[in-house]
N, C-alpha and C. Protein backbone atom coordinates (compact mmCIF):
# COMPACT_ATOMS: atom_id res chain seq x y z
N MET A 1 149.61 75.77 52.66
CA MET A 1 149.74 76.94 53.24
C MET A 1 149.09 76.73 54.66
N GLY A 2 149.87 77.13 55.64
CA GLY A 2 149.20 77.11 57.06
C GLY A 2 148.16 78.24 57.54
N THR A 3 147.55 77.96 58.59
CA THR A 3 146.87 79.17 59.26
C THR A 3 147.79 80.32 59.81
N GLY A 4 147.42 81.47 59.30
CA GLY A 4 148.11 82.64 59.90
C GLY A 4 147.61 83.10 61.20
N PHE A 5 148.51 84.16 62.17
CA PHE A 5 148.34 84.31 63.21
C PHE A 5 147.11 85.40 63.39
N GLU A 6 146.47 85.93 62.14
CA GLU A 6 145.51 86.80 62.03
C GLU A 6 144.20 86.12 62.52
N GLU A 7 144.01 84.89 62.05
CA GLU A 7 142.95 84.00 62.64
C GLU A 7 142.75 83.88 64.04
N VAL A 8 143.88 83.58 64.67
CA VAL A 8 143.95 83.39 66.25
C VAL A 8 143.77 84.75 66.87
N PHE A 9 144.41 85.84 66.42
CA PHE A 9 144.37 87.12 66.80
C PHE A 9 142.96 87.61 66.81
N GLU A 10 142.15 87.16 65.85
CA GLU A 10 140.76 87.82 65.46
C GLU A 10 139.90 86.88 66.70
N ASN A 11 140.17 85.80 66.86
CA ASN A 11 139.56 84.94 67.97
C ASN A 11 139.76 85.55 69.60
N PHE A 12 140.96 85.92 69.53
CA PHE A 12 141.50 86.64 70.65
C PHE A 12 140.61 87.95 71.08
N TYR A 13 140.82 88.86 69.93
CA TYR A 13 140.02 90.29 70.00
C TYR A 13 138.52 90.16 70.07
N SER A 14 137.97 89.10 69.92
CA SER A 14 136.51 88.85 70.10
C SER A 14 135.97 88.64 71.41
N ARG A 15 137.05 88.39 72.35
CA ARG A 15 136.93 88.12 73.87
C ARG A 15 137.03 89.53 74.69
N PRO A 16 138.00 90.37 74.86
CA PRO A 16 138.01 91.42 75.80
C PRO A 16 137.21 92.62 75.29
N GLN A 17 136.56 93.23 76.26
CA GLN A 17 135.96 94.46 75.80
C GLN A 17 136.62 95.54 76.34
N SER A 18 137.72 95.71 75.83
CA SER A 18 138.71 96.76 76.37
C SER A 18 138.65 98.07 75.30
N LYS A 19 138.75 99.17 75.81
CA LYS A 19 138.70 100.48 75.02
C LYS A 19 140.02 100.74 74.41
N VAL A 20 141.05 100.02 75.24
CA VAL A 20 142.24 100.31 74.86
C VAL A 20 142.81 99.26 73.57
N LEU A 21 143.30 99.54 72.58
CA LEU A 21 143.84 98.60 71.55
C LEU A 21 145.44 98.33 72.16
N LEU A 22 145.69 96.76 72.09
CA LEU A 22 146.59 96.33 72.81
C LEU A 22 147.87 96.27 71.55
N GLU A 23 148.99 96.46 72.05
CA GLU A 23 149.97 96.52 71.14
C GLU A 23 150.16 95.30 70.69
N GLU A 24 150.51 95.09 69.30
CA GLU A 24 150.61 93.91 68.47
C GLU A 24 151.66 92.97 68.99
N ASP A 25 152.85 93.55 69.53
CA ASP A 25 153.65 92.78 69.94
C ASP A 25 153.35 92.07 71.40
N LEU A 26 152.55 92.71 71.96
CA LEU A 26 152.09 92.13 73.34
C LEU A 26 151.13 90.92 73.01
N VAL A 27 150.13 91.06 72.19
CA VAL A 27 149.28 90.12 71.54
C VAL A 27 150.19 88.94 71.08
N GLU A 28 150.91 89.14 70.38
CA GLU A 28 151.86 88.12 69.80
C GLU A 28 152.53 87.30 71.04
N GLN A 29 152.91 88.06 71.94
CA GLN A 29 153.52 87.28 73.04
C GLN A 29 152.55 86.40 73.85
N PHE A 30 151.13 86.97 73.95
CA PHE A 30 150.15 86.15 74.32
C PHE A 30 149.96 84.74 73.47
N LEU A 31 150.00 85.05 72.14
CA LEU A 31 150.10 83.97 71.30
C LEU A 31 151.16 82.90 71.50
N PHE A 32 152.49 83.26 71.65
CA PHE A 32 153.54 82.49 71.98
C PHE A 32 153.08 81.80 73.30
N LEU A 33 152.78 82.34 74.36
CA LEU A 33 152.34 81.60 75.58
C LEU A 33 151.33 80.72 75.39
N ALA A 34 150.35 80.90 74.52
CA ALA A 34 149.20 80.08 74.17
C ALA A 34 149.70 78.79 73.51
N VAL A 35 150.62 79.06 72.53
CA VAL A 35 151.15 77.85 71.75
C VAL A 35 152.02 77.07 72.79
N ALA A 36 152.74 77.77 73.89
CA ALA A 36 153.57 76.89 74.67
C ALA A 36 152.50 76.15 75.71
N ASP A 37 151.78 76.65 76.18
CA ASP A 37 150.50 75.85 76.87
C ASP A 37 150.19 74.65 76.35
N TYR A 38 149.67 74.94 74.95
CA TYR A 38 149.02 74.07 74.06
C TYR A 38 150.07 72.90 73.76
N GLU A 39 151.29 73.22 73.42
CA GLU A 39 152.35 72.19 73.30
C GLU A 39 152.69 71.46 74.65
N LEU A 40 152.44 72.12 75.89
CA LEU A 40 152.68 71.24 77.08
C LEU A 40 151.70 70.09 77.37
N GLU A 41 150.60 70.59 76.92
CA GLU A 41 149.40 69.49 77.17
C GLU A 41 149.09 68.61 76.11
N LEU A 42 149.45 69.05 74.85
CA LEU A 42 148.94 68.15 73.83
C LEU A 42 150.04 67.81 72.87
N GLY A 43 150.71 68.59 72.42
CA GLY A 43 151.88 68.34 71.36
C GLY A 43 152.27 69.33 70.49
N PRO A 44 153.11 69.43 69.46
CA PRO A 44 153.72 70.43 68.84
C PRO A 44 152.69 71.07 67.85
N LEU A 45 152.76 72.43 67.69
CA LEU A 45 151.98 73.02 66.72
C LEU A 45 152.66 73.60 65.51
N ASN A 46 154.09 73.49 65.62
CA ASN A 46 154.94 74.18 64.58
C ASN A 46 154.49 75.53 64.10
N TYR A 47 154.50 76.44 65.15
CA TYR A 47 154.43 78.04 64.81
C TYR A 47 155.95 78.48 64.32
N HIS A 48 155.76 79.19 63.29
CA HIS A 48 156.96 79.77 62.66
C HIS A 48 156.94 81.33 63.08
N LYS A 49 157.90 81.77 63.79
CA LYS A 49 157.60 83.15 64.28
C LYS A 49 157.90 84.08 63.06
N ASP A 50 158.91 83.82 62.44
CA ASP A 50 159.37 84.68 61.19
C ASP A 50 158.28 84.76 60.16
N LEU A 51 157.50 83.83 59.80
CA LEU A 51 156.70 83.54 58.85
C LEU A 51 155.26 84.13 59.33
N ARG A 52 154.97 84.04 60.80
CA ARG A 52 153.98 84.55 61.54
C ARG A 52 152.76 83.43 60.87
N GLN A 53 153.02 82.08 61.10
CA GLN A 53 151.96 81.36 60.53
C GLN A 53 152.57 79.92 61.09
N PHE A 54 151.32 79.04 61.15
CA PHE A 54 151.49 77.60 61.55
C PHE A 54 151.70 76.85 60.52
N ASN A 55 152.48 75.65 60.62
CA ASN A 55 152.89 74.76 59.28
C ASN A 55 151.60 74.23 58.80
N SER A 56 150.28 73.95 59.56
CA SER A 56 149.10 73.40 59.05
C SER A 56 148.21 74.11 59.18
N GLN A 57 146.88 73.80 58.52
CA GLN A 57 145.76 74.69 58.69
C GLN A 57 145.19 74.10 60.03
N LEU A 58 144.88 75.10 60.98
CA LEU A 58 144.29 74.78 62.39
C LEU A 58 142.76 74.78 62.01
N GLY A 59 142.27 73.86 62.90
CA GLY A 59 140.59 73.84 62.98
C GLY A 59 140.12 74.77 63.74
N ASN A 60 138.65 74.98 63.78
CA ASN A 60 138.16 76.03 64.70
C ASN A 60 138.50 75.79 66.08
N ILE A 61 138.15 74.42 66.31
CA ILE A 61 138.39 73.97 67.85
C ILE A 61 139.81 74.56 68.44
N LEU A 62 140.74 74.48 67.57
CA LEU A 62 142.12 74.72 68.10
C LEU A 62 142.31 76.23 68.08
N ILE A 63 141.93 76.98 67.12
CA ILE A 63 142.03 78.20 67.15
C ILE A 63 141.12 78.95 68.12
N ASN A 64 139.97 78.38 68.69
CA ASN A 64 139.31 78.72 69.79
C ASN A 64 139.98 78.47 71.00
N GLN A 65 140.52 77.28 71.19
CA GLN A 65 141.34 77.24 72.39
C GLN A 65 142.62 78.04 72.46
N LEU A 66 143.28 78.41 71.52
CA LEU A 66 144.50 79.14 71.50
C LEU A 66 144.00 80.64 71.88
N GLY A 67 142.89 80.93 71.33
CA GLY A 67 142.09 82.45 71.63
C GLY A 67 141.82 82.26 73.15
N ALA A 68 141.26 81.17 73.68
CA ALA A 68 141.18 81.31 75.10
C ALA A 68 142.36 81.33 76.02
N ILE A 69 143.32 80.44 75.63
CA ILE A 69 144.56 80.73 76.32
C ILE A 69 145.04 82.06 76.35
N MET A 70 145.06 82.71 75.11
CA MET A 70 145.68 84.24 74.92
C MET A 70 144.82 85.06 76.04
N TYR A 71 143.47 84.88 76.03
CA TYR A 71 142.66 85.71 76.92
C TYR A 71 142.85 85.45 78.31
N ARG A 72 143.32 84.37 78.77
CA ARG A 72 143.58 83.80 80.16
C ARG A 72 144.91 84.59 80.42
N HIS A 73 145.81 84.70 79.59
CA HIS A 73 146.97 85.34 79.96
C HIS A 73 146.73 86.99 80.03
N TYR A 74 145.77 87.47 79.21
CA TYR A 74 145.37 88.77 79.14
C TYR A 74 144.71 88.99 80.41
N LEU A 75 143.89 88.39 80.89
CA LEU A 75 143.00 88.43 82.39
C LEU A 75 144.16 88.42 83.42
N SER A 76 145.02 87.61 83.37
CA SER A 76 145.97 87.50 84.54
C SER A 76 146.70 88.77 84.63
N ARG A 77 147.15 89.30 83.46
CA ARG A 77 147.95 90.52 83.39
C ARG A 77 147.02 91.65 83.87
N GLU A 78 145.67 91.64 83.27
CA GLU A 78 144.67 92.76 84.04
C GLU A 78 144.63 92.45 85.42
N LEU A 79 144.41 91.46 85.79
CA LEU A 79 144.26 91.13 87.36
C LEU A 79 145.47 91.63 88.02
N ASP A 80 146.45 91.40 87.69
CA ASP A 80 147.76 91.94 88.30
C ASP A 80 147.78 93.52 88.27
N ARG A 81 147.34 94.02 87.23
CA ARG A 81 147.30 95.56 87.15
C ARG A 81 146.19 95.99 88.12
N VAL A 82 145.13 95.41 88.31
CA VAL A 82 144.04 95.80 89.32
C VAL A 82 144.65 95.58 90.69
N LEU A 83 145.35 94.56 90.96
CA LEU A 83 145.94 94.42 92.20
C LEU A 83 146.96 95.46 92.52
N LYS A 84 147.52 95.81 91.83
CA LYS A 84 148.61 96.86 91.93
C LYS A 84 147.88 98.30 92.10
N LEU A 85 147.09 98.64 91.47
CA LEU A 85 146.22 99.72 91.44
C LEU A 85 145.41 99.88 92.93
N THR A 86 144.87 98.74 93.31
CA THR A 86 144.12 98.71 94.73
C THR A 86 144.83 98.89 95.98
N ASN A 87 146.21 98.63 95.90
CA ASN A 87 147.03 98.79 96.90
C ASN A 87 147.87 99.94 97.12
N ILE A 88 147.38 101.14 96.37
CA ILE A 88 148.15 102.32 96.26
C ILE A 88 147.84 102.98 97.37
N VAL A 89 148.61 103.19 98.52
CA VAL A 89 148.25 104.20 99.57
C VAL A 89 149.46 105.16 99.72
N GLY A 90 149.28 106.53 99.64
CA GLY A 90 150.36 107.53 99.85
C GLY A 90 149.91 108.42 100.82
N LYS A 91 150.73 109.63 100.81
CA LYS A 91 150.42 110.32 101.98
C LYS A 91 149.24 111.23 101.68
N ASP A 92 148.96 111.63 100.56
CA ASP A 92 147.74 112.26 100.16
C ASP A 92 146.61 111.58 99.58
N ILE A 93 146.91 110.20 99.12
CA ILE A 93 145.86 109.54 98.31
C ILE A 93 145.85 108.00 98.82
N GLY A 94 144.79 107.44 98.69
CA GLY A 94 144.61 105.95 98.96
C GLY A 94 143.56 105.38 98.22
N LEU A 95 144.02 104.35 97.43
CA LEU A 95 143.09 103.56 96.44
C LEU A 95 143.04 102.40 96.93
N THR A 96 142.01 101.97 97.62
CA THR A 96 141.78 100.60 98.17
C THR A 96 140.29 100.09 97.87
N GLY A 97 139.50 100.93 97.04
CA GLY A 97 138.05 100.52 96.87
C GLY A 97 137.64 99.75 95.65
N MET A 98 138.68 98.91 95.04
CA MET A 98 138.20 98.44 93.80
C MET A 98 138.12 96.78 94.19
N GLY A 99 137.68 96.47 95.31
CA GLY A 99 137.46 94.97 95.65
C GLY A 99 136.52 94.33 94.80
N ASP A 100 135.54 94.96 94.31
CA ASP A 100 134.56 94.17 93.41
C ASP A 100 135.24 93.90 92.06
N ALA A 101 136.11 94.92 91.60
CA ALA A 101 136.66 94.49 90.30
C ALA A 101 137.77 93.26 90.61
N LYS A 102 138.35 93.24 91.52
CA LYS A 102 139.40 92.28 91.89
C LYS A 102 138.55 90.93 92.16
N ARG A 103 137.53 90.81 92.62
CA ARG A 103 136.77 89.85 92.95
C ARG A 103 136.32 89.33 91.63
N THR A 104 135.56 90.05 90.82
CA THR A 104 134.89 89.70 89.52
C THR A 104 136.01 89.27 88.71
N MET A 105 137.07 89.78 88.48
CA MET A 105 138.12 89.43 87.67
C MET A 105 138.55 88.17 88.02
N GLN A 106 138.80 87.76 89.37
CA GLN A 106 139.32 86.54 89.70
C GLN A 106 138.46 85.45 89.35
N ILE A 107 137.08 85.67 89.56
CA ILE A 107 136.14 84.62 89.37
C ILE A 107 136.19 84.29 87.76
N ARG A 108 136.10 85.42 87.00
CA ARG A 108 136.26 85.20 85.62
C ARG A 108 137.47 84.46 85.00
N LEU A 109 138.58 84.64 85.79
CA LEU A 109 139.69 84.05 85.40
C LEU A 109 139.75 82.70 85.99
N THR A 110 139.19 82.34 87.18
CA THR A 110 138.90 80.84 87.47
C THR A 110 138.03 80.06 86.68
N ASN A 111 136.92 80.83 86.11
CA ASN A 111 135.97 80.17 85.36
C ASN A 111 136.67 79.80 83.98
N LEU A 112 137.53 80.76 83.37
CA LEU A 112 138.14 80.29 82.23
C LEU A 112 139.19 79.37 82.19
N ASP A 113 139.94 79.38 83.30
CA ASP A 113 140.91 78.28 83.70
C ASP A 113 140.10 76.83 83.38
N LYS A 114 138.89 76.88 84.01
CA LYS A 114 138.06 75.57 84.08
C LYS A 114 137.63 75.15 82.69
N GLU A 115 137.30 76.12 81.91
CA GLU A 115 136.82 76.06 80.55
C GLU A 115 137.91 75.39 79.78
N ILE A 116 139.02 76.11 79.77
CA ILE A 116 140.37 75.59 78.86
C ILE A 116 140.79 74.34 79.44
N ALA A 117 140.73 73.96 80.63
CA ALA A 117 141.34 72.58 81.26
C ALA A 117 140.30 71.52 80.60
N ASP A 118 139.02 71.82 80.63
CA ASP A 118 137.91 70.94 80.19
C ASP A 118 137.99 70.67 78.60
N ARG A 119 138.22 71.79 77.87
CA ARG A 119 138.40 71.53 76.52
C ARG A 119 139.88 70.71 76.16
N PHE A 120 141.01 70.99 77.22
CA PHE A 120 142.14 70.21 76.94
C PHE A 120 141.89 68.77 77.29
N ASN A 121 140.91 68.25 78.06
CA ASN A 121 140.49 67.12 78.37
C ASN A 121 139.87 66.54 77.14
N LYS A 122 139.08 67.06 76.43
CA LYS A 122 138.25 66.69 75.34
C LYS A 122 139.12 66.42 74.27
N LEU A 123 140.14 67.29 73.87
CA LEU A 123 140.98 67.13 72.80
C LEU A 123 142.04 65.92 73.25
N LYS A 124 142.18 65.50 74.21
CA LYS A 124 143.26 64.51 74.48
C LYS A 124 142.71 63.11 74.07
N LYS A 125 143.62 62.31 73.53
CA LYS A 125 143.13 60.84 73.09
C LYS A 125 143.19 59.97 74.39
N ASN A 126 142.20 59.33 74.62
CA ASN A 126 142.11 58.45 75.84
C ASN A 126 142.58 57.20 75.38
N SER A 127 142.77 56.23 76.29
CA SER A 127 143.21 54.95 76.07
C SER A 127 142.14 54.11 75.57
N TYR A 128 140.89 54.37 75.65
CA TYR A 128 139.92 53.48 75.51
C TYR A 128 139.37 53.91 74.17
N TYR A 129 139.86 54.68 73.54
CA TYR A 129 139.55 54.84 72.21
C TYR A 129 140.47 53.76 71.18
N GLU A 130 141.41 53.45 71.60
CA GLU A 130 142.22 52.67 70.87
C GLU A 130 142.08 51.24 70.76
């Protein structure tokens, strides 16, 4: 029996400090994106959407990596939301004062991208190991 999606979801949910509970379909889409990113870098994971589980038992490192990738997709979505909010200017209202939120979120997203790339490099087999 393989790893269920719940273990990866728990890792993802431990990261954002959101007051709003995300819809399960959206989080499942984050998982699909994370699996696709992982498979692009390293190889197949064999996730079965219908069974909502992987073919094999995933290790802690892999679960952590998938949770981080899911969080990256969540942050990029949040950054997009903040960018759209900060550029609202209408006849009676103008919201342009969220520059710190944009900057902070962009820095966090950049740092997370570096962490994920570093972990991918550590997971790859190098030619000098053989």
